[in-house]
N, C-alpha and C. Protein backbone atom coordinates (compact mmCIF):
# COMPACT_ATOMS: atom_id res chain seq x y z
N MET A 1 140.43 -97.28 -164.97
CA MET A 1 141.09 -96.93 -163.14
C MET A 1 140.32 -96.08 -162.72
N ASP A 2 140.08 -96.35 -161.19
CA ASP A 2 139.34 -95.15 -160.66
C ASP A 2 140.12 -94.30 -159.79
N ASN A 3 139.49 -92.81 -159.53
CA ASN A 3 140.24 -91.64 -159.62
C ASN A 3 141.21 -92.11 -157.53
N SER A 4 140.85 -93.57 -156.93
CA SER A 4 141.19 -93.32 -155.67
C SER A 4 142.48 -94.05 -156.43
N ILE A 5 142.76 -94.78 -157.03
CA ILE A 5 143.65 -95.19 -157.35
C ILE A 5 144.74 -94.39 -158.37
N LEU A 6 144.50 -93.92 -159.33
CA LEU A 6 144.63 -92.87 -160.56
C LEU A 6 145.00 -91.56 -159.49
N PHE A 7 144.62 -90.83 -158.26
CA PHE A 7 144.79 -89.83 -157.86
C PHE A 7 145.41 -89.52 -156.42
N ASN A 8 145.72 -91.02 -155.68
CA ASN A 8 145.64 -91.40 -154.81
C ASN A 8 146.67 -90.24 -153.90
N CYS A 9 147.56 -89.14 -154.44
CA CYS A 9 148.26 -88.23 -153.90
C CYS A 9 147.62 -87.24 -153.88
N CYS A 10 146.57 -86.76 -154.46
CA CYS A 10 145.80 -85.79 -154.73
C CYS A 10 144.90 -85.16 -153.72
N THR A 11 144.42 -84.12 -153.37
CA THR A 11 143.55 -83.97 -152.55
C THR A 11 142.23 -84.45 -153.05
N ASP A 12 141.47 -85.12 -151.98
CA ASP A 12 140.31 -86.01 -152.59
C ASP A 12 140.11 -86.78 -153.53
N HIS A 13 141.35 -87.28 -153.71
CA HIS A 13 141.51 -88.07 -154.93
C HIS A 13 140.98 -87.84 -156.41
N ALA A 14 141.26 -86.41 -156.33
CA ALA A 14 140.26 -85.88 -157.63
C ALA A 14 141.57 -85.32 -158.42
N ALA A 15 141.41 -85.32 -159.91
CA ALA A 15 142.39 -85.12 -160.61
C ALA A 15 142.66 -83.30 -160.83
N PRO A 16 144.35 -83.25 -160.75
CA PRO A 16 144.63 -81.90 -160.46
C PRO A 16 144.36 -81.17 -161.42
N ASN A 17 144.60 -79.73 -161.59
CA ASN A 17 144.40 -78.94 -162.49
C ASN A 17 145.55 -79.11 -163.10
N TRP A 18 145.18 -79.99 -164.19
CA TRP A 18 146.27 -80.28 -165.61
C TRP A 18 147.35 -78.92 -166.36
N SER A 19 146.67 -78.01 -166.20
CA SER A 19 147.32 -76.45 -166.82
C SER A 19 148.37 -76.21 -166.04
N GLN A 20 148.85 -76.89 -164.78
CA GLN A 20 149.89 -76.24 -163.96
C GLN A 20 151.16 -77.07 -164.65
N TYR A 21 151.21 -78.13 -165.20
CA TYR A 21 152.17 -79.01 -165.18
C TYR A 21 152.40 -78.75 -167.01
N TYR A 22 153.86 -79.10 -166.84
CA TYR A 22 154.58 -79.34 -168.46
C TYR A 22 154.68 -80.56 -168.83
N ALA A 23 154.78 -81.81 -167.93
CA ALA A 23 155.14 -83.03 -168.04
C ALA A 23 154.91 -83.70 -166.75
N LEU A 24 154.53 -85.07 -167.50
CA LEU A 24 154.84 -86.40 -165.94
C LEU A 24 155.74 -87.03 -166.18
N GLU A 25 155.80 -87.84 -165.15
CA GLU A 25 157.40 -88.75 -165.06
C GLU A 25 156.67 -89.54 -163.94
N LEU A 26 157.58 -90.90 -164.18
CA LEU A 26 157.09 -91.52 -163.52
C LEU A 26 158.37 -92.27 -163.14
N GLY A 27 158.77 -91.91 -161.47
CA GLY A 27 159.95 -92.23 -160.90
C GLY A 27 160.34 -93.38 -159.78
N GLY A 28 161.36 -94.24 -159.41
CA GLY A 28 161.41 -95.36 -158.68
C GLY A 28 161.50 -94.59 -156.91
N CYS A 29 160.77 -95.08 -156.25
CA CYS A 29 160.76 -94.37 -154.47
C CYS A 29 161.31 -95.31 -153.73
N ILE A 30 161.62 -95.10 -152.50
CA ILE A 30 161.60 -95.96 -151.23
C ILE A 30 161.03 -95.28 -150.16
N GLU A 31 160.50 -95.83 -149.15
CA GLU A 31 160.26 -95.37 -147.90
C GLU A 31 161.39 -95.47 -146.82
N ALA A 32 161.93 -94.23 -146.95
CA ALA A 32 162.83 -93.67 -145.72
C ALA A 32 162.82 -93.48 -144.43
N LYS A 33 163.59 -94.25 -143.21
CA LYS A 33 163.19 -94.48 -141.80
C LYS A 33 164.11 -94.07 -141.03
N CYS A 34 164.15 -92.80 -140.29
CA CYS A 34 165.34 -91.94 -139.13
C CYS A 34 165.31 -92.68 -138.11
N THR A 35 166.26 -93.83 -138.12
CA THR A 35 166.67 -94.77 -137.20
C THR A 35 166.70 -93.75 -135.53
N VAL A 36 166.65 -92.65 -135.21
CA VAL A 36 166.51 -92.07 -134.37
C VAL A 36 165.06 -91.67 -134.00
N THR A 37 164.57 -91.21 -134.87
CA THR A 37 163.06 -90.88 -134.70
C THR A 37 162.16 -91.38 -135.14
N SER A 38 162.50 -92.42 -135.92
CA SER A 38 160.85 -93.22 -136.90
C SER A 38 160.52 -92.60 -137.39
N ASP A 39 160.97 -91.07 -137.80
CA ASP A 39 160.06 -90.52 -139.09
C ASP A 39 160.51 -91.10 -140.31
N THR A 40 159.21 -90.97 -141.07
CA THR A 40 159.69 -91.46 -142.66
C THR A 40 159.39 -90.67 -143.51
N TRP A 41 160.02 -91.01 -145.01
CA TRP A 41 159.61 -89.86 -145.97
C TRP A 41 159.63 -90.99 -147.11
N THR A 42 159.28 -90.19 -148.35
CA THR A 42 159.59 -91.13 -149.42
C THR A 42 160.82 -89.89 -150.20
N GLU A 43 161.56 -91.04 -150.89
CA GLU A 43 162.78 -90.69 -151.60
C GLU A 43 162.32 -91.01 -153.33
N GLY A 44 163.31 -90.61 -154.16
CA GLY A 44 162.48 -90.42 -155.11
C GLY A 44 163.99 -90.78 -156.18
N GLY A 45 163.93 -90.93 -157.27
CA GLY A 45 165.49 -91.43 -157.50
C GLY A 45 165.75 -92.60 -157.97
N TYR A 46 165.33 -93.72 -157.51
CA TYR A 46 165.73 -95.21 -157.44
C TYR A 46 165.32 -95.70 -158.87
N HIS A 47 166.09 -96.67 -159.38
CA HIS A 47 166.09 -97.40 -160.47
C HIS A 47 165.13 -98.48 -160.09
N ARG A 48 164.20 -99.00 -161.48
CA ARG A 48 163.14 -100.12 -160.72
C ARG A 48 163.45 -100.95 -160.12
N SER A 49 164.85 -101.65 -160.50
CA SER A 49 165.39 -102.88 -159.76
C SER A 49 165.48 -102.45 -158.02
N ASP A 50 165.58 -101.35 -157.73
CA ASP A 50 165.65 -100.86 -156.07
C ASP A 50 164.72 -100.17 -155.56
N ALA A 51 163.38 -99.68 -156.54
CA ALA A 51 162.48 -99.25 -155.60
C ALA A 51 161.80 -99.99 -154.99
N GLU A 52 160.63 -99.92 -154.07
CA GLU A 52 160.34 -100.38 -152.99
C GLU A 52 158.64 -99.77 -153.76
N PHE A 53 158.48 -98.62 -154.36
CA PHE A 53 157.41 -98.10 -154.80
C PHE A 53 157.71 -97.45 -156.19
N PHE A 54 156.45 -96.66 -156.79
CA PHE A 54 156.77 -96.01 -158.13
C PHE A 54 155.38 -94.81 -157.84
N THR A 55 155.86 -93.36 -158.16
CA THR A 55 155.53 -92.52 -157.94
C THR A 55 155.43 -91.67 -159.86
N VAL A 56 154.03 -91.15 -159.84
CA VAL A 56 153.63 -90.30 -161.09
C VAL A 56 153.86 -89.00 -160.54
N TYR A 57 154.94 -88.21 -161.34
CA TYR A 57 154.73 -86.67 -160.39
C TYR A 57 154.35 -85.51 -161.66
N GLY A 58 154.07 -84.27 -161.41
CA GLY A 58 153.45 -83.84 -162.42
C GLY A 58 154.58 -82.58 -162.65
N HIS A 59 155.30 -82.20 -163.61
CA HIS A 59 156.49 -81.26 -163.29
C HIS A 59 155.69 -79.96 -163.83
N LEU A 60 155.75 -79.00 -162.61
CA LEU A 60 154.79 -77.96 -162.23
C LEU A 60 155.72 -76.73 -163.37
N LYS A 61 154.92 -76.20 -164.14
CA LYS A 61 155.26 -74.90 -164.83
C LYS A 61 156.26 -73.86 -164.14
N GLU A 62 155.37 -73.67 -162.73
CA GLU A 62 156.69 -72.38 -161.79
C GLU A 62 157.72 -73.03 -161.15
N GLY A 63 157.83 -74.36 -161.23
CA GLY A 63 159.38 -74.82 -160.87
C GLY A 63 158.82 -76.03 -159.87
N GLY A 64 159.61 -77.04 -159.98
CA GLY A 64 159.72 -78.33 -158.79
C GLY A 64 158.65 -79.09 -159.36
N CYS A 65 158.27 -79.90 -158.57
CA CYS A 65 157.21 -81.49 -158.90
C CYS A 65 156.26 -81.57 -157.87
N GLU A 66 155.35 -82.27 -157.98
CA GLU A 66 154.43 -82.63 -157.55
C GLU A 66 153.81 -84.31 -157.33
N ALA A 67 153.50 -84.83 -156.71
CA ALA A 67 153.17 -86.06 -156.92
C ALA A 67 151.63 -86.37 -157.02
N ILE A 68 151.37 -87.01 -158.07
CA ILE A 68 150.30 -87.44 -158.32
C ILE A 68 149.28 -89.00 -157.93
N THR A 69 150.10 -89.90 -157.89
CA THR A 69 149.61 -91.12 -157.61
C THR A 69 150.84 -91.94 -157.24
N ASP A 70 150.73 -92.89 -156.38
CA ASP A 70 152.14 -93.96 -156.02
C ASP A 70 151.43 -94.68 -156.17
N TRP A 71 152.15 -95.82 -156.75
CA TRP A 71 151.82 -97.26 -157.01
C TRP A 71 152.86 -98.43 -156.67
N HIS A 72 152.07 -99.51 -156.07
CA HIS A 72 153.34 -100.38 -155.21
C HIS A 72 153.02 -101.70 -155.47
N GLY A 73 152.25 -101.79 -157.10
CA GLY A 73 152.67 -102.65 -157.50
C GLY A 73 154.20 -102.92 -158.69
N SER A 74 153.87 -103.64 -159.91
CA SER A 74 154.95 -104.03 -160.70
C SER A 74 155.04 -102.70 -161.09
N PHE A 75 156.78 -102.55 -161.62
CA PHE A 75 156.65 -101.54 -162.62
C PHE A 75 156.33 -101.49 -164.00
N ASP A 76 155.80 -102.80 -164.46
CA ASP A 76 155.26 -102.56 -165.84
C ASP A 76 153.76 -102.33 -165.37
N GLU A 77 152.90 -102.39 -164.09
CA GLU A 77 151.70 -101.49 -164.03
C GLU A 77 151.75 -100.16 -163.70
N ALA A 78 153.11 -100.02 -162.99
CA ALA A 78 153.10 -98.57 -163.11
C ALA A 78 153.21 -97.64 -163.80
N VAL A 79 153.99 -98.36 -165.07
CA VAL A 79 154.10 -97.70 -166.70
C VAL A 79 153.07 -97.64 -166.55
N CYS A 80 151.75 -98.62 -167.20
CA CYS A 80 150.76 -98.87 -167.55
C CYS A 80 149.61 -97.73 -166.48
N THR A 81 149.56 -97.00 -165.54
CA THR A 81 149.31 -95.84 -164.92
C THR A 81 149.76 -94.83 -165.13
N ALA A 82 150.97 -94.50 -165.25
CA ALA A 82 151.49 -93.18 -165.94
C ALA A 82 151.45 -93.27 -167.33
N GLU A 83 151.15 -93.68 -168.46
CA GLU A 83 150.52 -93.96 -169.48
C GLU A 83 148.84 -93.50 -169.39
N GLU A 84 148.10 -93.87 -168.62
CA GLU A 84 146.66 -93.75 -168.32
C GLU A 84 146.93 -92.42 -168.21
N LEU A 85 147.58 -91.71 -167.39
CA LEU A 85 147.43 -90.33 -166.77
C LEU A 85 148.03 -89.47 -167.66
N ALA A 86 148.69 -89.90 -168.81
CA ALA A 86 149.50 -89.03 -169.99
C ALA A 86 148.49 -88.96 -170.92
N ARG A 87 147.75 -90.02 -171.01
CA ARG A 87 146.64 -89.73 -171.89
C ARG A 87 145.60 -88.86 -171.33
N LEU A 88 145.33 -88.74 -169.97
CA LEU A 88 144.08 -88.15 -169.51
C LEU A 88 144.34 -86.33 -169.37
N SER A 89 145.68 -86.62 -169.22
CA SER A 89 146.38 -85.32 -168.83
C SER A 89 146.81 -84.18 -170.70
N GLY A 90 147.41 -85.17 -171.68
CA GLY A 90 147.72 -84.95 -172.49
C GLY A 90 149.25 -84.32 -172.46
N LEU A 91 149.54 -84.19 -171.54
CA LEU A 91 150.90 -84.28 -171.16
C LEU A 91 151.61 -85.45 -171.85
N PRO A 92 153.15 -84.97 -171.71
CA PRO A 92 154.22 -86.06 -171.92
C PRO A 92 154.70 -86.70 -170.71
N LEU A 93 155.06 -88.06 -170.98
CA LEU A 93 155.45 -88.75 -170.12
C LEU A 93 156.90 -89.16 -170.22
N GLU A 94 158.08 -89.05 -168.80
CA GLU A 94 159.00 -89.76 -169.06
C GLU A 94 159.06 -90.46 -168.21
N VAL A 95 159.84 -91.76 -168.39
CA VAL A 95 159.78 -92.60 -167.56
C VAL A 95 161.76 -92.82 -166.79
N ARG A 96 161.44 -92.61 -165.68
CA ARG A 96 163.39 -92.11 -165.33
C ARG A 96 163.80 -93.49 -164.07
N CYS A 97 163.12 -94.08 -164.72
CA CYS A 97 163.53 -95.93 -163.08
C CYS A 97 163.56 -96.80 -163.99
């Protein structure tokens, strides 16, 4: 896979500094929209059957998490993408959707 797919949430579609993370997580997401302002944002924590897309997050050693890539294909394809990132990074992967 090319970097524009694997790292589409990262600056310049470049691999992040993996040393800042202790693990990766695949999560189900939706794009939420405010009915008043039409602003949109991503909400995570959705089961795969309710998700509109999937995101691979890096869990930061200093706390919090950071999106590495969004996947708009099937759940199985998202798992394959997450597994490839785990292989590249050497980090453990947890599938949470």
